[in-house]
Amino acid sequence: MLSIQAETKGKIENTTKYVRNNFWAGRSFESLSDINAQVHGTTHEIPLERLKDEKLNPLSTVPAYMTRK
């Protein structure tokens, strides 16, 4: 049991280090609500506003291919 935990420990620590150094670097926020309200650097839009407008198209009622009954 301990050897399995030792094998995966580095993978988890490396992921945490990557997020801290690359994703959170240079950002400041008070809460998740605060960061979700900030303008995205690439889209220049607030993510919550952009995602609110996304809608899925309804699925077709016609089968994708012929089937036998």
N, C-alpha and C. Protein backbone atom coordinates (compact mmCIF):
# COMPACT_ATOMS: atom_id res chain seq x y z
N MET A 1 0.83 -1.19 0.00
CA MET A 1 0.00 0.00 0.00
C MET A 1 0.87 1.25 0.00
N LEU A 2 1.89 1.29 0.82
CA LEU A 2 2.75 2.47 0.89
C LEU A 2 3.52 2.69 -0.39
N SER A 3 3.95 1.62 -1.08
CA SER A 3 4.71 1.79 -2.31
C SER A 3 3.86 2.42 -3.40
N ILE A 4 2.58 2.10 -3.44
CA ILE A 4 1.68 2.70 -4.43
C ILE A 4 1.54 4.19 -4.16
N GLN A 5 1.37 4.57 -2.92
CA GLN A 5 1.25 5.99 -2.58
C GLN A 5 2.53 6.73 -2.92
N ALA A 6 3.67 6.11 -2.70
CA ALA A 6 4.95 6.75 -3.00
C ALA A 6 5.10 6.97 -4.50
N GLU A 7 4.60 6.04 -5.31
CA GLU A 7 4.70 6.17 -6.76
C GLU A 7 3.85 7.31 -7.30
N THR A 8 2.69 7.54 -6.72
CA THR A 8 1.78 8.58 -7.22
C THR A 8 1.99 9.93 -6.57
N LYS A 9 2.70 9.96 -5.48
CA LYS A 9 2.90 11.22 -4.74
C LYS A 9 3.57 12.28 -5.61
N GLY A 10 4.61 11.90 -6.33
CA GLY A 10 5.33 12.86 -7.18
C GLY A 10 4.47 13.41 -8.29
N LYS A 11 3.62 12.58 -8.87
CA LYS A 11 2.73 13.03 -9.95
C LYS A 11 1.78 14.11 -9.45
N ILE A 12 1.23 13.90 -8.27
CA ILE A 12 0.30 14.88 -7.70
C ILE A 12 1.04 16.15 -7.33
N GLU A 13 2.20 16.02 -6.72
CA GLU A 13 2.97 17.20 -6.34
C GLU A 13 3.40 17.99 -7.56
N ASN A 14 3.79 17.32 -8.65
CA ASN A 14 4.19 18.01 -9.86
C ASN A 14 3.02 18.76 -10.48
N THR A 15 1.83 18.19 -10.43
CA THR A 15 0.65 18.86 -10.96
C THR A 15 0.35 20.12 -10.15
N THR A 16 0.43 20.01 -8.84
CA THR A 16 0.20 21.16 -7.97
C THR A 16 1.22 22.25 -8.25
N LYS A 17 2.48 21.86 -8.40
CA LYS A 17 3.54 22.83 -8.68
C LYS A 17 3.30 23.52 -10.02
N TYR A 18 2.87 22.76 -11.03
CA TYR A 18 2.60 23.32 -12.34
C TYR A 18 1.49 24.37 -12.27
N VAL A 19 0.41 24.04 -11.57
CA VAL A 19 -0.72 24.98 -11.45
C VAL A 19 -0.28 26.24 -10.73
N ARG A 20 0.45 26.09 -9.64
CA ARG A 20 0.92 27.27 -8.89
C ARG A 20 1.83 28.14 -9.73
N ASN A 21 2.76 27.55 -10.47
CA ASN A 21 3.76 28.32 -11.22
C ASN A 21 3.25 28.86 -12.54
N ASN A 22 2.30 28.19 -13.18
CA ASN A 22 1.88 28.59 -14.51
C ASN A 22 0.48 29.17 -14.57
N PHE A 23 -0.43 28.64 -13.79
CA PHE A 23 -1.81 29.12 -13.87
C PHE A 23 -2.08 30.27 -12.92
N TRP A 24 -1.68 30.13 -11.66
CA TRP A 24 -1.98 31.15 -10.66
C TRP A 24 -0.96 32.28 -10.63
N ALA A 25 0.19 32.12 -11.26
CA ALA A 25 1.24 33.14 -11.21
C ALA A 25 0.73 34.48 -11.74
N GLY A 26 0.92 35.53 -10.99
CA GLY A 26 0.53 36.87 -11.41
C GLY A 26 -0.94 37.19 -11.24
N ARG A 27 -1.71 36.29 -10.69
CA ARG A 27 -3.14 36.53 -10.48
C ARG A 27 -3.40 36.84 -9.02
N SER A 28 -4.35 37.71 -8.80
CA SER A 28 -4.77 37.99 -7.43
C SER A 28 -6.29 37.98 -7.38
N PHE A 29 -6.83 37.37 -6.34
CA PHE A 29 -8.27 37.26 -6.19
C PHE A 29 -8.59 36.95 -4.74
N GLU A 30 -9.81 37.27 -4.36
CA GLU A 30 -10.28 37.04 -2.99
C GLU A 30 -10.98 35.69 -2.86
N SER A 31 -11.69 35.27 -3.91
CA SER A 31 -12.46 34.03 -3.86
C SER A 31 -12.62 33.50 -5.29
N LEU A 32 -13.20 32.32 -5.42
CA LEU A 32 -13.47 31.78 -6.75
C LEU A 32 -14.47 32.66 -7.50
N SER A 33 -15.43 33.23 -6.80
CA SER A 33 -16.39 34.13 -7.44
C SER A 33 -15.67 35.34 -8.02
N ASP A 34 -14.68 35.83 -7.30
CA ASP A 34 -13.89 36.98 -7.75
C ASP A 34 -13.12 36.64 -9.02
N ILE A 35 -12.45 35.50 -9.04
CA ILE A 35 -11.66 35.14 -10.23
C ILE A 35 -12.56 34.82 -11.41
N ASN A 36 -13.74 34.25 -11.17
CA ASN A 36 -14.68 33.96 -12.26
C ASN A 36 -15.26 35.23 -12.85
N ALA A 37 -15.23 36.33 -12.13
CA ALA A 37 -15.75 37.60 -12.62
C ALA A 37 -14.70 38.41 -13.37
N GLN A 38 -13.45 37.95 -13.39
CA GLN A 38 -12.39 38.68 -14.08
C GLN A 38 -12.43 38.41 -15.58
N VAL A 39 -11.97 39.38 -16.36
CA VAL A 39 -11.95 39.25 -17.81
C VAL A 39 -10.85 38.26 -18.21
N HIS A 40 -11.18 37.33 -19.11
CA HIS A 40 -10.24 36.32 -19.60
C HIS A 40 -9.23 36.99 -20.53
N GLY A 41 -7.98 36.59 -20.43
CA GLY A 41 -6.92 37.22 -21.21
C GLY A 41 -7.02 36.97 -22.70
N THR A 42 -7.52 35.83 -23.13
CA THR A 42 -7.59 35.49 -24.55
C THR A 42 -8.89 35.95 -25.19
N THR A 43 -10.01 35.67 -24.54
CA THR A 43 -11.31 36.00 -25.12
C THR A 43 -11.74 37.43 -24.82
N HIS A 44 -11.12 38.05 -23.82
CA HIS A 44 -11.48 39.40 -23.37
C HIS A 44 -12.94 39.47 -22.94
N GLU A 45 -13.43 38.35 -22.40
CA GLU A 45 -14.80 38.27 -21.89
C GLU A 45 -14.76 37.66 -20.50
N ILE A 46 -15.80 37.90 -19.73
CA ILE A 46 -15.93 37.28 -18.42
C ILE A 46 -16.44 35.85 -18.64
N PRO A 47 -15.70 34.83 -18.16
CA PRO A 47 -16.09 33.45 -18.43
C PRO A 47 -17.52 33.11 -18.05
N LEU A 48 -17.99 33.55 -16.90
CA LEU A 48 -19.36 33.22 -16.50
C LEU A 48 -20.39 33.81 -17.46
N GLU A 49 -20.12 35.00 -17.98
CA GLU A 49 -21.04 35.62 -18.93
C GLU A 49 -21.03 34.86 -20.25
N ARG A 50 -19.85 34.46 -20.69
CA ARG A 50 -19.73 33.74 -21.96
C ARG A 50 -20.39 32.36 -21.87
N LEU A 51 -20.16 31.66 -20.78
CA LEU A 51 -20.71 30.32 -20.63
C LEU A 51 -22.22 30.33 -20.42
N LYS A 52 -22.74 31.41 -19.87
CA LYS A 52 -24.18 31.51 -19.63
C LYS A 52 -24.94 31.47 -20.95
N ASP A 53 -24.36 32.01 -22.02
CA ASP A 53 -25.04 32.08 -23.31
C ASP A 53 -24.93 30.79 -24.13
N GLU A 54 -24.04 29.89 -23.74
CA GLU A 54 -23.87 28.65 -24.50
C GLU A 54 -25.09 27.76 -24.32
N LYS A 55 -25.58 27.26 -25.42
CA LYS A 55 -26.74 26.36 -25.40
C LYS A 55 -26.42 25.16 -26.29
N LEU A 56 -26.93 24.02 -25.92
CA LEU A 56 -26.78 22.83 -26.75
C LEU A 56 -27.89 22.78 -27.78
N ASN A 57 -27.57 22.30 -28.97
CA ASN A 57 -28.59 22.11 -29.99
C ASN A 57 -29.36 20.83 -29.67
N PRO A 58 -30.67 20.81 -29.93
CA PRO A 58 -31.44 19.60 -29.64
C PRO A 58 -30.99 18.46 -30.55
N LEU A 59 -31.08 17.24 -30.04
CA LEU A 59 -30.74 16.07 -30.83
C LEU A 59 -31.84 15.82 -31.85
N SER A 60 -31.44 15.28 -32.98
CA SER A 60 -32.40 14.95 -34.03
C SER A 60 -33.26 13.77 -33.58
N THR A 61 -34.53 13.79 -34.00
CA THR A 61 -35.41 12.67 -33.67
C THR A 61 -35.27 11.55 -34.69
N VAL A 62 -34.61 11.84 -35.81
CA VAL A 62 -34.38 10.83 -36.85
C VAL A 62 -33.11 10.06 -36.49
N PRO A 63 -33.15 8.73 -36.57
CA PRO A 63 -31.94 7.96 -36.27
C PRO A 63 -30.80 8.33 -37.23
N ALA A 64 -29.59 8.21 -36.77
CA ALA A 64 -28.42 8.54 -37.59
C ALA A 64 -28.25 7.56 -38.74
N TYR A 65 -28.77 6.36 -38.61
CA TYR A 65 -28.69 5.35 -39.66
C TYR A 65 -29.94 4.47 -39.57
N MET A 66 -30.20 3.75 -40.63
CA MET A 66 -31.39 2.90 -40.69
C MET A 66 -31.26 1.74 -39.71
N THR A 67 -32.34 1.44 -39.04
CA THR A 67 -32.36 0.30 -38.12
C THR A 67 -33.56 -0.57 -38.44
N ARG A 68 -33.45 -1.85 -38.08
CA ARG A 68 -34.58 -2.76 -38.26
C ARG A 68 -35.34 -2.86 -36.96
N LYS A 69 -36.63 -3.02 -37.08
CA LYS A 69 -37.45 -3.21 -35.88
C LYS A 69 -37.80 -4.65 -35.72
